Amino acid sequence: MVYRPLRYEQMMKAAEGMDVRARRMFEGMAVYTGEKMFAYLADDEIGLKLSPNDREEALGLDGAELLKANPNGAPMKEYVRMPKEVLDDYDGFTAWVKRSAQYANGQCVH
């Protein structure tokens, strides 16, 4: 599985103004804020690392589920595969990205 350049561009635009960088990891792309990974891109999917409360809220969205880095692998317990409905909503997706980055940096506000 390889990440889609469109999703990479979307992720970087949503994280604009934050200290982020990305690097290849396994068969996808990991996105970091500082030294903390907070997002993972695989194929056409974006998974975000979320606090327990945010994760519960996100998993309540239609189509959301725990992210699998590869189809046969175990789920990444703190990462939620964001549904297409969220990915297609720029403002909504950006808000989730900020929540994820804050959580990864120990600045959880939810």
N, C-alpha and C. Protein backbone atom coordinates (compact mmCIF):
# COMPACT_ATOMS: atom_id res chain seq x y z
N MET A 1 0.85 -1.18 0.00
CA MET A 1 0.00 0.00 0.00
C MET A 1 0.89 1.24 0.00
N VAL A 2 0.55 2.22 -0.80
CA VAL A 2 1.30 3.46 -0.89
C VAL A 2 0.31 4.60 -0.66
N TYR A 3 0.79 5.68 -0.07
CA TYR A 3 -0.09 6.82 0.15
C TYR A 3 -0.34 7.56 -1.17
N ARG A 4 -1.44 8.24 -1.25
CA ARG A 4 -1.79 9.02 -2.43
C ARG A 4 -1.26 10.45 -2.27
N PRO A 5 -0.59 10.98 -3.28
CA PRO A 5 -0.07 12.36 -3.20
C PRO A 5 -1.16 13.38 -2.86
N LEU A 6 -2.38 13.16 -3.35
CA LEU A 6 -3.47 14.07 -3.04
C LEU A 6 -3.73 14.13 -1.54
N ARG A 7 -3.69 12.98 -0.87
CA ARG A 7 -3.91 12.96 0.59
C ARG A 7 -2.74 13.62 1.32
N TYR A 8 -1.52 13.43 0.81
CA TYR A 8 -0.35 14.10 1.41
C TYR A 8 -0.53 15.61 1.33
N GLU A 9 -0.90 16.11 0.16
CA GLU A 9 -1.11 17.55 -0.02
C GLU A 9 -2.22 18.05 0.89
N GLN A 10 -3.29 17.27 1.01
CA GLN A 10 -4.41 17.64 1.87
C GLN A 10 -3.95 17.73 3.33
N MET A 11 -3.17 16.75 3.75
CA MET A 11 -2.67 16.72 5.13
C MET A 11 -1.79 17.92 5.42
N MET A 12 -0.88 18.22 4.49
CA MET A 12 0.04 19.34 4.71
C MET A 12 -0.69 20.68 4.70
N LYS A 13 -1.71 20.80 3.86
CA LYS A 13 -2.49 22.04 3.85
C LYS A 13 -3.25 22.21 5.16
N ALA A 14 -3.84 21.12 5.66
CA ALA A 14 -4.59 21.18 6.93
C ALA A 14 -3.66 21.50 8.10
N ALA A 15 -2.40 21.09 8.00
CA ALA A 15 -1.43 21.31 9.09
C ALA A 15 -0.61 22.58 8.89
N GLU A 16 -0.98 23.38 7.93
CA GLU A 16 -0.25 24.62 7.64
C GLU A 16 -0.14 25.48 8.90
N GLY A 17 1.04 25.99 9.14
CA GLY A 17 1.28 26.82 10.31
C GLY A 17 1.74 26.04 11.53
N MET A 18 1.68 24.72 11.44
CA MET A 18 2.16 23.87 12.53
C MET A 18 3.55 23.35 12.18
N ASP A 19 4.28 22.97 13.18
CA ASP A 19 5.61 22.38 12.97
C ASP A 19 5.41 20.92 12.60
N VAL A 20 5.30 20.64 11.30
CA VAL A 20 5.08 19.27 10.85
C VAL A 20 6.10 18.87 9.80
N ARG A 21 6.33 17.59 9.74
CA ARG A 21 7.17 17.00 8.70
C ARG A 21 6.66 15.59 8.46
N ALA A 22 7.02 15.06 7.32
CA ALA A 22 6.55 13.72 6.96
C ALA A 22 7.72 12.89 6.48
N ARG A 23 7.61 11.58 6.69
CA ARG A 23 8.61 10.66 6.17
C ARG A 23 7.97 9.31 5.92
N ARG A 24 8.53 8.62 4.96
CA ARG A 24 8.03 7.29 4.62
C ARG A 24 8.17 6.37 5.83
N MET A 25 7.15 5.56 6.04
CA MET A 25 7.18 4.58 7.11
C MET A 25 6.40 3.36 6.64
N PHE A 26 7.04 2.21 6.71
CA PHE A 26 6.42 0.98 6.23
C PHE A 26 5.98 1.22 4.78
N GLU A 27 4.73 1.05 4.50
CA GLU A 27 4.25 1.23 3.13
C GLU A 27 3.42 2.50 2.98
N GLY A 28 3.57 3.44 3.90
CA GLY A 28 2.81 4.67 3.84
C GLY A 28 3.68 5.86 4.20
N MET A 29 3.05 6.89 4.76
CA MET A 29 3.73 8.12 5.14
C MET A 29 3.31 8.50 6.55
N ALA A 30 4.30 8.71 7.41
CA ALA A 30 4.04 9.16 8.78
C ALA A 30 4.21 10.67 8.83
N VAL A 31 3.34 11.32 9.57
CA VAL A 31 3.40 12.78 9.73
C VAL A 31 3.66 13.08 11.20
N TYR A 32 4.64 13.94 11.44
CA TYR A 32 5.09 14.26 12.79
C TYR A 32 4.89 15.74 13.09
N THR A 33 4.65 16.00 14.36
CA THR A 33 4.73 17.35 14.88
C THR A 33 5.85 17.29 15.91
N GLY A 34 6.90 18.08 15.68
CA GLY A 34 8.10 17.91 16.49
C GLY A 34 8.61 16.50 16.28
N GLU A 35 8.78 15.75 17.35
CA GLU A 35 9.25 14.37 17.26
C GLU A 35 8.12 13.35 17.43
N LYS A 36 6.90 13.82 17.52
CA LYS A 36 5.75 12.95 17.80
C LYS A 36 4.92 12.68 16.55
N MET A 37 4.75 11.40 16.23
CA MET A 37 3.91 11.03 15.10
C MET A 37 2.44 11.24 15.49
N PHE A 38 1.68 11.87 14.58
CA PHE A 38 0.27 12.09 14.88
C PHE A 38 -0.66 11.69 13.74
N ALA A 39 -0.09 11.35 12.59
CA ALA A 39 -0.93 10.95 11.47
C ALA A 39 -0.20 9.92 10.61
N TYR A 40 -0.99 9.10 9.95
CA TYR A 40 -0.41 8.09 9.06
C TYR A 40 -1.26 8.03 7.80
N LEU A 41 -0.60 8.13 6.66
CA LEU A 41 -1.26 8.07 5.37
C LEU A 41 -0.95 6.74 4.71
N ALA A 42 -1.98 6.05 4.28
CA ALA A 42 -1.82 4.77 3.60
C ALA A 42 -2.90 4.68 2.53
N ASP A 43 -2.48 4.44 1.31
CA ASP A 43 -3.39 4.36 0.18
C ASP A 43 -4.17 5.67 0.11
N ASP A 44 -5.49 5.63 0.16
CA ASP A 44 -6.31 6.85 0.07
C ASP A 44 -6.84 7.24 1.44
N GLU A 45 -6.22 6.72 2.49
CA GLU A 45 -6.72 6.92 3.84
C GLU A 45 -5.78 7.77 4.68
N ILE A 46 -6.36 8.46 5.64
CA ILE A 46 -5.59 9.22 6.63
C ILE A 46 -6.07 8.78 8.00
N GLY A 47 -5.13 8.34 8.83
CA GLY A 47 -5.43 7.98 10.20
C GLY A 47 -4.83 9.02 11.12
N LEU A 48 -5.58 9.44 12.12
CA LEU A 48 -5.12 10.43 13.08
C LEU A 48 -5.03 9.82 14.48
N LYS A 49 -3.97 10.14 15.18
CA LYS A 49 -3.81 9.73 16.57
C LYS A 49 -4.68 10.65 17.42
N LEU A 50 -5.57 10.06 18.21
CA LEU A 50 -6.52 10.86 18.96
C LEU A 50 -6.55 10.47 20.43
N SER A 51 -6.88 11.45 21.26
CA SER A 51 -7.06 11.19 22.69
C SER A 51 -8.21 10.21 22.87
N PRO A 52 -8.30 9.56 24.02
CA PRO A 52 -9.41 8.62 24.23
C PRO A 52 -10.79 9.23 23.96
N ASN A 53 -11.03 10.45 24.44
CA ASN A 53 -12.34 11.09 24.22
C ASN A 53 -12.56 11.41 22.74
N ASP A 54 -11.53 11.98 22.09
CA ASP A 54 -11.66 12.30 20.68
C ASP A 54 -11.80 11.03 19.83
N ARG A 55 -11.07 9.99 20.22
CA ARG A 55 -11.14 8.72 19.50
C ARG A 55 -12.56 8.15 19.57
N GLU A 56 -13.14 8.20 20.76
CA GLU A 56 -14.52 7.71 20.93
C GLU A 56 -15.48 8.52 20.05
N GLU A 57 -15.31 9.83 20.04
CA GLU A 57 -16.16 10.69 19.21
C GLU A 57 -15.97 10.36 17.72
N ALA A 58 -14.71 10.23 17.30
CA ALA A 58 -14.42 9.95 15.89
C ALA A 58 -14.97 8.59 15.47
N LEU A 59 -14.83 7.59 16.33
CA LEU A 59 -15.32 6.26 15.98
C LEU A 59 -16.84 6.21 15.87
N GLY A 60 -17.51 7.22 16.40
CA GLY A 60 -18.95 7.33 16.27
C GLY A 60 -19.38 7.87 14.91
N LEU A 61 -18.42 8.36 14.12
CA LEU A 61 -18.73 8.88 12.79
C LEU A 61 -18.92 7.72 11.82
N ASP A 62 -19.89 7.85 10.95
CA ASP A 62 -20.17 6.80 9.97
C ASP A 62 -18.95 6.58 9.08
N GLY A 63 -18.45 5.35 9.06
CA GLY A 63 -17.32 4.99 8.22
C GLY A 63 -15.97 5.06 8.91
N ALA A 64 -15.90 5.57 10.12
CA ALA A 64 -14.63 5.64 10.85
C ALA A 64 -14.35 4.29 11.50
N GLU A 65 -13.07 3.97 11.61
CA GLU A 65 -12.64 2.75 12.30
C GLU A 65 -11.18 2.90 12.67
N LEU A 66 -10.68 2.00 13.50
CA LEU A 66 -9.27 2.03 13.84
C LEU A 66 -8.47 1.78 12.57
N LEU A 67 -7.39 2.51 12.42
CA LEU A 67 -6.55 2.42 11.23
C LEU A 67 -5.71 1.15 11.25
N LYS A 68 -5.59 0.53 10.10
CA LYS A 68 -4.66 -0.58 9.90
C LYS A 68 -3.60 -0.08 8.93
N ALA A 69 -2.33 -0.19 9.32
CA ALA A 69 -1.23 0.27 8.46
C ALA A 69 -1.17 -0.56 7.18
N ASN A 70 -1.59 -1.80 7.27
CA ASN A 70 -1.74 -2.64 6.08
C ASN A 70 -2.97 -3.51 6.28
N PRO A 71 -3.59 -3.95 5.20
CA PRO A 71 -4.87 -4.65 5.31
C PRO A 71 -4.85 -5.90 6.19
N ASN A 72 -3.73 -6.59 6.28
CA ASN A 72 -3.65 -7.81 7.07
C ASN A 72 -3.10 -7.58 8.47
N GLY A 73 -2.78 -6.35 8.80
CA GLY A 73 -2.17 -6.05 10.09
C GLY A 73 -3.20 -5.78 11.17
N ALA A 74 -2.69 -5.68 12.37
CA ALA A 74 -3.54 -5.34 13.52
C ALA A 74 -3.85 -3.84 13.48
N PRO A 75 -4.99 -3.44 14.04
CA PRO A 75 -5.31 -2.01 14.09
C PRO A 75 -4.32 -1.24 14.96
N MET A 76 -4.08 0.00 14.59
CA MET A 76 -3.25 0.91 15.39
C MET A 76 -4.21 1.53 16.41
N LYS A 77 -4.11 1.12 17.66
CA LYS A 77 -5.13 1.39 18.67
C LYS A 77 -5.45 2.86 18.93
N GLU A 78 -4.50 3.76 18.73
CA GLU A 78 -4.78 5.18 18.98
C GLU A 78 -5.12 5.96 17.71
N TYR A 79 -5.08 5.30 16.57
CA TYR A 79 -5.28 5.98 15.29
C TYR A 79 -6.62 5.62 14.67
N VAL A 80 -7.37 6.64 14.30
CA VAL A 80 -8.67 6.45 13.67
C VAL A 80 -8.56 6.79 12.19
N ARG A 81 -9.03 5.87 11.36
CA ARG A 81 -9.11 6.13 9.92
C ARG A 81 -10.30 7.06 9.73
N MET A 82 -10.00 8.27 9.29
CA MET A 82 -11.05 9.26 9.16
C MET A 82 -11.90 8.94 7.94
N PRO A 83 -13.23 9.02 8.10
CA PRO A 83 -14.12 8.69 6.98
C PRO A 83 -14.05 9.74 5.87
N LYS A 84 -14.46 9.33 4.69
CA LYS A 84 -14.44 10.21 3.52
C LYS A 84 -15.20 11.51 3.77
N GLU A 85 -16.29 11.43 4.51
CA GLU A 85 -17.09 12.63 4.82
C GLU A 85 -16.23 13.68 5.52
N VAL A 86 -15.37 13.27 6.43
CA VAL A 86 -14.48 14.20 7.14
C VAL A 86 -13.38 14.67 6.19
N LEU A 87 -12.79 13.75 5.44
CA LEU A 87 -11.71 14.12 4.54
C LEU A 87 -12.16 15.13 3.48
N ASP A 88 -13.43 15.05 3.09
CA ASP A 88 -13.96 15.94 2.07
C ASP A 88 -14.41 17.29 2.62
N ASP A 89 -14.35 17.48 3.93
CA ASP A 89 -14.75 18.73 4.59
C ASP A 89 -13.49 19.41 5.11
N TYR A 90 -12.98 20.38 4.37
CA TYR A 90 -11.69 21.00 4.72
C TYR A 90 -11.66 21.52 6.15
N ASP A 91 -12.64 22.31 6.54
CA ASP A 91 -12.64 22.89 7.89
C ASP A 91 -12.75 21.81 8.96
N GLY A 92 -13.63 20.85 8.74
CA GLY A 92 -13.78 19.76 9.71
C GLY A 92 -12.51 18.93 9.82
N PHE A 93 -11.92 18.60 8.68
CA PHE A 93 -10.68 17.82 8.70
C PHE A 93 -9.56 18.59 9.40
N THR A 94 -9.44 19.88 9.10
CA THR A 94 -8.40 20.70 9.73
C THR A 94 -8.57 20.71 11.25
N ALA A 95 -9.79 20.79 11.72
CA ALA A 95 -10.04 20.77 13.17
C ALA A 95 -9.58 19.44 13.77
N TRP A 96 -9.85 18.33 13.10
CA TRP A 96 -9.41 17.03 13.59
C TRP A 96 -7.88 16.94 13.59
N VAL A 97 -7.24 17.46 12.56
CA VAL A 97 -5.77 17.44 12.48
C VAL A 97 -5.18 18.21 13.65
N LYS A 98 -5.73 19.36 13.96
CA LYS A 98 -5.22 20.16 15.09
C LYS A 98 -5.41 19.42 16.41
N ARG A 99 -6.55 18.79 16.59
CA ARG A 99 -6.79 18.03 17.82
C ARG A 99 -5.77 16.90 17.94
N SER A 100 -5.50 16.24 16.83
CA SER A 100 -4.54 15.14 16.81
C SER A 100 -3.14 15.62 17.15
N ALA A 101 -2.70 16.69 16.52
CA ALA A 101 -1.35 17.23 16.76
C ALA A 101 -1.21 17.69 18.21
N GLN A 102 -2.23 18.32 18.73
CA GLN A 102 -2.19 18.77 20.14
C GLN A 102 -2.08 17.58 21.07
N TYR A 103 -2.84 16.53 20.81
CA TYR A 103 -2.77 15.34 21.65
C TYR A 103 -1.38 14.70 21.60
N ALA A 104 -0.83 14.60 20.41
CA ALA A 104 0.51 14.00 20.25
C ALA A 104 1.56 14.79 21.01
N ASN A 105 1.37 16.10 21.10
CA ASN A 105 2.30 16.96 21.83
C ASN A 105 1.98 17.09 23.31
N GLY A 106 1.00 16.34 23.79
CA GLY A 106 0.66 16.41 25.21
C GLY A 106 -0.15 17.63 25.57
N GLN A 107 -0.81 18.25 24.59
CA GLN A 107 -1.60 19.45 24.82
C GLN A 107 -3.07 19.20 24.62
N CYS A 108 -3.53 18.04 25.03
CA CYS A 108 -4.93 17.66 24.80
C CYS A 108 -5.87 18.66 25.48
N VAL A 109 -6.80 19.19 24.71
CA VAL A 109 -7.76 20.14 25.25
C VAL A 109 -9.18 19.59 25.29
N HIS A 110 -9.36 18.35 24.87
CA HIS A 110 -10.70 17.73 24.87
C HIS A 110 -10.77 16.63 25.90
